[in-house]
Amino acid sequence: MDKKMIQKKIGGVKKAVGAKINSATEKAEEEMKKAKMMAEKEIKKAKMEMEKALKKTGEFVKKNPVKAAAIAAGLGAAIGAAISAAVKKETAKTKKKK
């Protein structure tokens, strides 16, 4: 094989590889568009559900202020206890390392 023939074959390979890359890129872009559209749709659905839940919560609080306050206090205490336990556990780990 002479040099020109080798260069011609290399050029053909480059062209074929370039076409495959372009095709793969186009397919990837199409899939990204589809995924983005699906994500936007799901975000919209989640936002609507959150708005419904917020409205229901507001209605519950208006109808049952004492229960709502008790629930909030209970949740606050539970979250505070969980944070306190996590901090104590982390502090104990840190002391053991020293």
Protein backbone atom coordinates (compact mmCIF):
# COMPACT_ATOMS: atom_id res chain seq x y z
CA MET A 1 0.00 0.00 0.00
CA ASP A 2 1.29 3.40 -0.84
CA LYS A 3 1.04 6.55 1.26
CA LYS A 4 -1.88 8.04 -0.72
CA MET A 5 -3.96 4.91 -0.30
CA ILE A 6 -3.29 4.82 3.43
CA GLN A 7 -4.24 8.49 3.76
CA LYS A 8 -7.41 7.85 1.76
CA LYS A 9 -8.37 4.94 4.03
CA ILE A 10 -7.63 7.02 7.13
CA GLY A 11 -9.79 9.81 5.71
CA GLY A 12 -12.62 7.33 5.15
CA VAL A 13 -12.32 6.02 8.69
CA LYS A 14 -12.31 9.58 10.07
CA LYS A 15 -15.43 10.38 8.06
CA ALA A 16 -17.22 7.24 9.27
CA VAL A 17 -16.25 7.87 12.88
CA GLY A 18 -17.34 11.50 12.59
CA ALA A 19 -20.73 10.42 11.24
CA LYS A 20 -21.18 7.95 14.11
CA ILE A 21 -20.23 10.64 16.64
CA ASN A 22 -22.68 13.10 15.08
CA SER A 23 -25.44 10.50 15.13
CA ALA A 24 -24.74 9.61 18.76
CA THR A 25 -24.65 13.30 19.69
CA GLU A 26 -28.01 13.92 18.02
CA LYS A 27 -29.56 10.93 19.80
CA ALA A 28 -28.15 12.09 23.14
CA GLU A 29 -29.53 15.58 22.58
CA GLU A 30 -32.97 14.15 21.74
CA GLU A 31 -32.93 12.02 24.89
CA MET A 32 -31.86 15.02 26.97
CA LYS A 33 -34.78 17.04 25.58
CA LYS A 34 -37.19 14.21 26.42
CA ALA A 35 -35.76 13.88 29.92
CA LYS A 36 -35.98 17.64 30.46
CA MET A 37 -39.62 17.68 29.35
CA MET A 38 -40.44 14.76 31.64
CA ALA A 39 -38.65 16.41 34.55
CA GLU A 40 -40.49 19.68 33.98
CA LYS A 41 -43.80 17.79 33.88
CA GLU A 42 -42.98 15.98 37.14
CA ILE A 43 -41.88 19.22 38.80
CA LYS A 44 -45.17 20.83 37.78
CA LYS A 45 -47.11 17.87 39.22
CA ALA A 46 -45.11 17.98 42.46
CA LYS A 47 -45.67 21.72 42.76
CA MET A 48 -49.42 21.26 42.34
CA GLU A 49 -49.45 18.51 44.98
CA MET A 50 -47.47 20.70 47.38
CA GLU A 51 -49.91 23.56 46.84
CA LYS A 52 -52.84 21.21 47.60
CA ALA A 53 -51.11 19.93 50.73
CA LEU A 54 -50.34 23.47 51.86
CA LYS A 55 -53.97 24.49 51.35
CA LYS A 56 -55.22 21.45 53.30
CA THR A 57 -52.73 22.17 56.08
CA GLY A 58 -53.91 25.77 56.30
CA GLU A 59 -57.53 24.63 56.47
CA PHE A 60 -56.68 22.10 59.20
CA VAL A 61 -54.87 24.74 61.25
CA LYS A 62 -57.83 27.13 60.98
CA LYS A 63 -60.32 24.44 62.01
CA ASN A 64 -58.11 22.84 64.70
CA PRO A 65 -55.68 25.42 66.11
CA VAL A 66 -55.06 23.54 69.37
CA LYS A 67 -54.36 20.24 67.61
CA ALA A 68 -52.12 22.02 65.11
CA ALA A 69 -50.12 23.63 67.92
CA ALA A 70 -49.77 20.29 69.70
CA ILE A 71 -48.61 18.58 66.50
CA ALA A 72 -46.10 21.36 65.82
CA ALA A 73 -44.77 21.15 69.38
CA GLY A 74 -44.45 17.38 69.14
CA LEU A 75 -42.63 17.57 65.82
CA GLY A 76 -40.34 20.28 67.16
CA ALA A 77 -39.49 18.18 70.19
CA ALA A 78 -38.84 15.09 68.06
CA ILE A 79 -36.62 17.00 65.63
CA GLY A 80 -34.76 18.64 68.51
CA ALA A 81 -34.18 15.27 70.16
CA ALA A 82 -32.93 13.76 66.90
CA ILE A 83 -30.51 16.64 66.35
CA SER A 84 -29.30 16.44 69.94
CA ALA A 85 -28.68 12.69 69.63
CA ALA A 86 -26.80 13.17 66.36
CA VAL A 87 -24.61 15.89 67.87
CA LYS A 88 -23.85 13.75 70.93
CA LYS A 89 -22.96 10.77 68.71
CA GLU A 90 -20.67 12.90 66.53
CA THR A 91 -19.03 14.45 69.59
CA ALA A 92 -18.37 10.98 71.01
CA LYS A 93 -16.77 9.89 67.71
CA THR A 94 -14.56 12.98 67.68
CA LYS A 95 -13.41 12.39 71.27
CA LYS A 96 -12.53 8.74 70.51
CA LYS A 97 -10.30 9.78 67.60
CA LYS A 98 -8.20 12.05 69.81
